[in-house]
Amino acid sequence: MINLRQAVFYEYVDDGVVEIFDRYKWGLRRLGVNFSQDLLETIVYCPHNLENTFMAFCSWVLWLKSKGEKTNPEILSETLMQALKSDRGWIPYDYQKDFLAQHLDILESPQLSLWKAAGQQLGERLRNRIISDISEEGKINFHPNSILTDEEKEKIEAFKVYIDQLYL
């Protein structure tokens, strides 16, 4: 995924900006935002209220999606860029903070969300035994020499199908 310091060629990128971006980048990506170079530079140069703007924006997009609205990634990215450039940024209302709090899983990294899904689908014991690593991009690496029963093999194949459908 995106490393803000490497993506934006600027002498100094504030640690606080990087920390906030890292907290919201997965949610923004899942909501459909395309991280163009212009958007990344706008994030780095955001004058103020970066986290509030991300919070309000994510809540707004989640609300649109809950109403069945189709969202266009280009329009979302442009809207986010305009929100970041505005004088005060977008300031979330209390109901938006509550709405986002109900959907915090959208902000999870692929590693954590896949780890949780594997625990639910396979059971924690089997998951812990067969998964060796999950990459930042969401690729699951299995232990190559695991001895498995036929039932466990079926569970793993069903999990792979589930993951493929989840991330299409």
C-alpha atoms as a PDB file:
ATOM      1  CA  MET A   1       0.000   0.000   0.000  1.00  0.00           C
ATOM      2  CA  ILE A   2       1.019   3.598  -0.172  1.00  0.00           C
ATOM      3  CA  ASN A   3       3.898   4.965   1.851  1.00  0.00           C
ATOM      4  CA  LEU A   4       3.166   8.698   1.968  1.00  0.00           C
ATOM      5  CA  ARG A   5       6.802   9.686   2.491  1.00  0.00           C
ATOM      6  CA  GLN A   6       7.910   7.758  -0.582  1.00  0.00           C
ATOM      7  CA  ALA A   7       4.957   8.785  -2.743  1.00  0.00           C
ATOM      8  CA  VAL A   8       5.311  12.539  -2.231  1.00  0.00           C
ATOM      9  CA  PHE A   9       8.698  13.996  -3.057  1.00  0.00           C
ATOM     10  CA  TYR A  10       8.899  16.643  -0.422  1.00  0.00           C
ATOM     11  CA  GLU A  11      11.767  17.468   1.882  1.00  0.00           C
ATOM     12  CA  TYR A  12       9.738  16.996   5.044  1.00  0.00           C
ATOM     13  CA  VAL A  13       6.459  15.166   5.561  1.00  0.00           C
ATOM     14  CA  ASP A  14       5.006  15.702   9.023  1.00  0.00           C
ATOM     15  CA  ASP A  15       4.884  12.567  11.196  1.00  0.00           C
ATOM     16  CA  GLY A  16       1.363  13.464  12.337  1.00  0.00           C
ATOM     17  CA  VAL A  17       0.118  13.624   8.744  1.00  0.00           C
ATOM     18  CA  VAL A  18       1.657  10.215   8.000  1.00  0.00           C
ATOM     19  CA  GLU A  19       0.112   8.715  11.137  1.00  0.00           C
ATOM     20  CA  ILE A  20      -3.357  10.047  10.289  1.00  0.00           C
ATOM     21  CA  PHE A  21      -3.063   8.961   6.655  1.00  0.00           C
ATOM     22  CA  ASP A  22      -1.970   5.454   7.684  1.00  0.00           C
ATOM     23  CA  ARG A  23      -5.004   5.215   9.982  1.00  0.00           C
ATOM     24  CA  TYR A  24      -7.475   6.087   7.183  1.00  0.00           C
ATOM     25  CA  LYS A  25      -5.835   4.891   3.944  1.00  0.00           C
ATOM     26  CA  TRP A  26      -7.402   1.425   4.002  1.00  0.00           C
ATOM     27  CA  GLY A  27     -10.883   2.803   4.615  1.00  0.00           C
ATOM     28  CA  LEU A  28     -10.486   5.410   1.901  1.00  0.00           C
ATOM     29  CA  ARG A  29      -9.267   2.749  -0.536  1.00  0.00           C
ATOM     30  CA  ARG A  30     -12.162   0.413   0.354  1.00  0.00           C
ATOM     31  CA  LEU A  31     -14.626   3.248  -0.124  1.00  0.00           C
ATOM     32  CA  GLY A  32     -13.322   3.748  -3.652  1.00  0.00           C
ATOM     33  CA  VAL A  33     -10.848   6.630  -3.440  1.00  0.00           C
ATOM     34  CA  ASN A  34      -8.062   6.537  -6.040  1.00  0.00           C
ATOM     35  CA  PHE A  35      -4.815   7.889  -4.615  1.00  0.00           C
ATOM     36  CA  SER A  36      -3.473   9.989  -7.466  1.00  0.00           C
ATOM     37  CA  GLN A  37      -0.277  11.975  -7.051  1.00  0.00           C
ATOM     38  CA  ASP A  38      -2.363  15.172  -6.822  1.00  0.00           C
ATOM     39  CA  LEU A  39      -4.473  13.759  -4.009  1.00  0.00           C
ATOM     40  CA  LEU A  40      -1.420  12.539  -2.080  1.00  0.00           C
ATOM     41  CA  GLU A  41       0.206  15.961  -2.357  1.00  0.00           C
ATOM     42  CA  THR A  42      -3.024  17.602  -1.224  1.00  0.00           C
ATOM     43  CA  ILE A  43      -3.008  15.338   1.835  1.00  0.00           C
ATOM     44  CA  VAL A  44       0.592  16.279   2.669  1.00  0.00           C
ATOM     45  CA  TYR A  45      -0.125  19.986   2.241  1.00  0.00           C
ATOM     46  CA  CYS A  46      -3.531  19.918   3.959  1.00  0.00           C
ATOM     47  CA  PRO A  47      -3.581  23.084   6.034  1.00  0.00           C
ATOM     48  CA  HIS A  48      -5.623  21.758   8.958  1.00  0.00           C
ATOM     49  CA  ASN A  49      -8.280  19.344  10.187  1.00  0.00           C
ATOM     50  CA  LEU A  50      -6.900  16.386   8.223  1.00  0.00           C
ATOM     51  CA  GLU A  51      -8.327  13.718  10.511  1.00  0.00           C
ATOM     52  CA  ASN A  52     -11.684  15.471  10.853  1.00  0.00           C
ATOM     53  CA  THR A  53     -11.913  15.766   7.086  1.00  0.00           C
ATOM     54  CA  PHE A  54     -11.110  12.062   6.629  1.00  0.00           C
ATOM     55  CA  MET A  55     -13.641  11.159   9.313  1.00  0.00           C
ATOM     56  CA  ALA A  56     -16.419  13.305   7.809  1.00  0.00           C
ATOM     57  CA  PHE A  57     -15.620  12.120   4.286  1.00  0.00           C
ATOM     58  CA  CYS A  58     -15.655   8.414   5.234  1.00  0.00           C
ATOM     59  CA  SER A  59     -18.937   8.884   7.100  1.00  0.00           C
ATOM     60  CA  TRP A  60     -20.453  10.682   4.124  1.00  0.00           C
ATOM     61  CA  VAL A  61     -19.437   7.943   1.652  1.00  0.00           C
ATOM     62  CA  LEU A  62     -20.637   5.190   4.010  1.00  0.00           C
ATOM     63  CA  TRP A  63     -23.952   7.022   4.327  1.00  0.00           C
ATOM     64  CA  LEU A  64     -24.248   7.280   0.521  1.00  0.00           C
ATOM     65  CA  LYS A  65     -23.540   3.569   0.172  1.00  0.00           C
ATOM     66  CA  SER A  66     -26.050   2.691   2.906  1.00  0.00           C
ATOM     67  CA  LYS A  67     -28.674   4.535   0.841  1.00  0.00           C
ATOM     68  CA  GLY A  68     -27.784   2.440  -2.214  1.00  0.00           C
ATOM     69  CA  GLU A  69     -25.995   5.257  -4.048  1.00  0.00           C
ATOM     70  CA  LYS A  70     -23.395   4.289  -6.627  1.00  0.00           C
ATOM     71  CA  THR A  71     -20.105   6.094  -6.107  1.00  0.00           C
ATOM     72  CA  ASN A  72     -17.592   6.977  -8.809  1.00  0.00           C
ATOM     73  CA  PRO A  73     -13.936   6.699  -7.705  1.00  0.00           C
ATOM     74  CA  GLU A  74     -12.897   9.751  -9.712  1.00  0.00           C
ATOM     75  CA  ILE A  75     -15.666  11.897  -8.232  1.00  0.00           C
ATOM     76  CA  LEU A  76     -14.883  10.618  -4.727  1.00  0.00           C
ATOM     77  CA  SER A  77     -11.201  11.459  -5.141  1.00  0.00           C
ATOM     78  CA  GLU A  78     -11.992  14.929  -6.479  1.00  0.00           C
ATOM     79  CA  THR A  79     -14.489  15.563  -3.668  1.00  0.00           C
ATOM     80  CA  LEU A  80     -11.933  14.515  -1.055  1.00  0.00           C
ATOM     81  CA  MET A  81      -9.342  16.786  -2.641  1.00  0.00           C
ATOM     82  CA  GLN A  82     -11.734  19.749  -2.513  1.00  0.00           C
ATOM     83  CA  ALA A  83     -12.621  18.967   1.104  1.00  0.00           C
ATOM     84  CA  LEU A  84      -8.927  18.930   2.033  1.00  0.00           C
ATOM     85  CA  LYS A  85      -8.306  22.222   0.249  1.00  0.00           C
ATOM     86  CA  SER A  86     -11.242  24.058   1.820  1.00  0.00           C
ATOM     87  CA  ASP A  87     -10.539  26.678   4.467  1.00  0.00           C
ATOM     88  CA  ARG A  88     -11.481  24.560   7.459  1.00  0.00           C
ATOM     89  CA  GLY A  89     -11.765  21.103   5.919  1.00  0.00           C
ATOM     90  CA  TRP A  90     -14.876  19.092   6.565  1.00  0.00           C
ATOM     91  CA  ILE A  91     -15.812  18.984  10.225  1.00  0.00           C
ATOM     92  CA  PRO A  92     -17.816  15.904  11.217  1.00  0.00           C
ATOM     93  CA  TYR A  93     -21.044  16.219  13.100  1.00  0.00           C
ATOM     94  CA  ASP A  94     -21.642  13.996  16.116  1.00  0.00           C
ATOM     95  CA  TYR A  95     -23.966  11.718  14.136  1.00  0.00           C
ATOM     96  CA  GLN A  96     -21.200  11.217  11.546  1.00  0.00           C
ATOM     97  CA  LYS A  97     -18.732  10.224  14.253  1.00  0.00           C
ATOM     98  CA  ASP A  98     -21.288   7.736  15.601  1.00  0.00           C
ATOM     99  CA  PHE A  99     -21.967   6.390  12.095  1.00  0.00           C
ATOM    100  CA  LEU A 100     -18.247   5.889  11.458  1.00  0.00           C
ATOM    101  CA  ALA A 101     -17.829   4.246  14.872  1.00  0.00           C
ATOM    102  CA  GLN A 102     -20.392   1.627  13.774  1.00  0.00           C
ATOM    103  CA  HIS A 103     -18.296   0.895  10.671  1.00  0.00           C
ATOM    104  CA  LEU A 104     -14.748   0.934  12.074  1.00  0.00           C
ATOM    105  CA  ASP A 105     -13.950  -2.358  10.348  1.00  0.00           C
ATOM    106  CA  ILE A 106     -13.677  -0.373   7.095  1.00  0.00           C
ATOM    107  CA  LEU A 107     -10.476   1.176   8.468  1.00  0.00           C
ATOM    108  CA  GLU A 108      -8.782  -2.158   9.237  1.00  0.00           C
ATOM    109  CA  SER A 109      -5.744  -3.241   7.264  1.00  0.00           C
ATOM    110  CA  PRO A 110      -6.174  -6.254   4.977  1.00  0.00           C
ATOM    111  CA  GLN A 111      -3.943  -8.270   7.292  1.00  0.00           C
ATOM    112  CA  LEU A 112      -6.214  -7.754  10.288  1.00  0.00           C
ATOM    113  CA  SER A 113      -9.501  -8.169   8.419  1.00  0.00           C
ATOM    114  CA  LEU A 114      -8.304 -11.369   6.711  1.00  0.00           C
ATOM    115  CA  TRP A 115      -6.910 -12.711   9.997  1.00  0.00           C
ATOM    116  CA  LYS A 116     -10.303 -12.144  11.643  1.00  0.00           C
ATOM    117  CA  ALA A 117     -12.176 -13.659   8.683  1.00  0.00           C
ATOM    118  CA  ALA A 118      -9.916 -16.722   8.774  1.00  0.00           C
ATOM    119  CA  GLY A 119     -10.637 -17.148  12.475  1.00  0.00           C
ATOM    120  CA  GLN A 120     -14.379 -16.999  11.837  1.00  0.00           C
ATOM    121  CA  GLN A 121     -14.361 -19.269   8.780  1.00  0.00           C
ATOM    122  CA  LEU A 122     -11.717 -21.812   9.780  1.00  0.00           C
ATOM    123  CA  GLY A 123     -11.681 -21.570  13.532  1.00  0.00           C
ATOM    124  CA  GLU A 124      -8.792 -20.004  15.408  1.00  0.00           C
ATOM    125  CA  ARG A 125      -6.947 -23.265  16.003  1.00  0.00           C
ATOM    126  CA  LEU A 126      -6.823 -24.234  12.315  1.00  0.00           C
ATOM    127  CA  ARG A 127      -6.073 -20.653  11.252  1.00  0.00           C
ATOM    128  CA  ASN A 128      -3.133 -20.413  13.649  1.00  0.00           C
ATOM    129  CA  ARG A 129      -1.771 -23.713  12.403  1.00  0.00           C
ATOM    130  CA  ILE A 130      -1.940 -23.132   8.635  1.00  0.00           C
ATOM    131  CA  ILE A 131      -1.488 -19.399   7.983  1.00  0.00           C
ATOM    132  CA  SER A 132       2.134 -18.297   8.049  1.00  0.00           C
ATOM    133  CA  ASP A 133       1.690 -14.686   6.900  1.00  0.00           C
ATOM    134  CA  ILE A 134      -0.704 -12.192   5.355  1.00  0.00           C
ATOM    135  CA  SER A 135       0.891  -9.494   3.203  1.00  0.00           C
ATOM    136  CA  GLU A 136      -0.086  -5.831   3.276  1.00  0.00           C
ATOM    137  CA  GLU A 137      -1.817  -6.352  -0.082  1.00  0.00           C
ATOM    138  CA  GLY A 138      -3.935  -9.150   1.396  1.00  0.00           C
ATOM    139  CA  LYS A 139      -2.139 -12.220   0.011  1.00  0.00           C
ATOM    140  CA  ILE A 140      -2.369 -15.167   2.393  1.00  0.00           C
ATOM    141  CA  ASN A 141       0.634 -17.460   2.716  1.00  0.00           C
ATOM    142  CA  PHE A 142      -0.073 -20.919   4.044  1.00  0.00           C
ATOM    143  CA  HIS A 143       2.412 -23.210   5.808  1.00  0.00           C
ATOM    144  CA  PRO A 144       3.517 -25.594   3.045  1.00  0.00           C
ATOM    145  CA  ASN A 145       3.924 -28.755   5.095  1.00  0.00           C
ATOM    146  CA  SER A 146       0.758 -28.712   7.192  1.00  0.00           C
ATOM    147  CA  ILE A 147      -0.802 -32.114   7.672  1.00  0.00           C
ATOM    148  CA  LEU A 148      -4.523 -31.694   7.189  1.00  0.00           C
ATOM    149  CA  THR A 149      -7.589 -33.875   7.411  1.00  0.00           C
ATOM    150  CA  ASP A 150     -10.009 -33.993   4.483  1.00  0.00           C
ATOM    151  CA  GLU A 151     -12.454 -31.877   6.486  1.00  0.00           C
ATOM    152  CA  GLU A 152      -9.782 -29.234   7.120  1.00  0.00           C
ATOM    153  CA  LYS A 153      -8.841 -29.222   3.428  1.00  0.00           C
ATOM    154  CA  GLU A 154     -12.501 -28.621   2.530  1.00  0.00           C
ATOM    155  CA  LYS A 155     -12.710 -25.760   5.032  1.00  0.00           C
ATOM    156  CA  ILE A 156      -9.596 -24.157   3.538  1.00  0.00           C
ATOM    157  CA  GLU A 157     -10.918 -24.457  -0.021  1.00  0.00           C
ATOM    158  CA  ALA A 158     -14.243 -22.922   1.064  1.00  0.00           C
ATOM    159  CA  PHE A 159     -12.315 -20.106   2.774  1.00  0.00           C
ATOM    160  CA  LYS A 160     -10.310 -19.425  -0.404  1.00  0.00           C
ATOM    161  CA  VAL A 161     -13.562 -19.167  -2.382  1.00  0.00           C
ATOM    162  CA  TYR A 162     -14.992 -16.848   0.291  1.00  0.00           C
ATOM    163  CA  ILE A 163     -11.917 -14.585   0.122  1.00  0.00           C
ATOM    164  CA  ASP A 164     -11.986 -14.521  -3.691  1.00  0.00           C
ATOM    165  CA  GLN A 165     -15.634 -13.407  -3.620  1.00  0.00           C
ATOM    166  CA  LEU A 166     -14.950 -10.875  -0.888  1.00  0.00           C
ATOM    167  CA  TYR A 167     -12.114  -9.158  -2.758  1.00  0.00           C
ATOM    168  CA  LEU A 168     -13.393  -9.267  -6.362  1.00  0.00           C
END
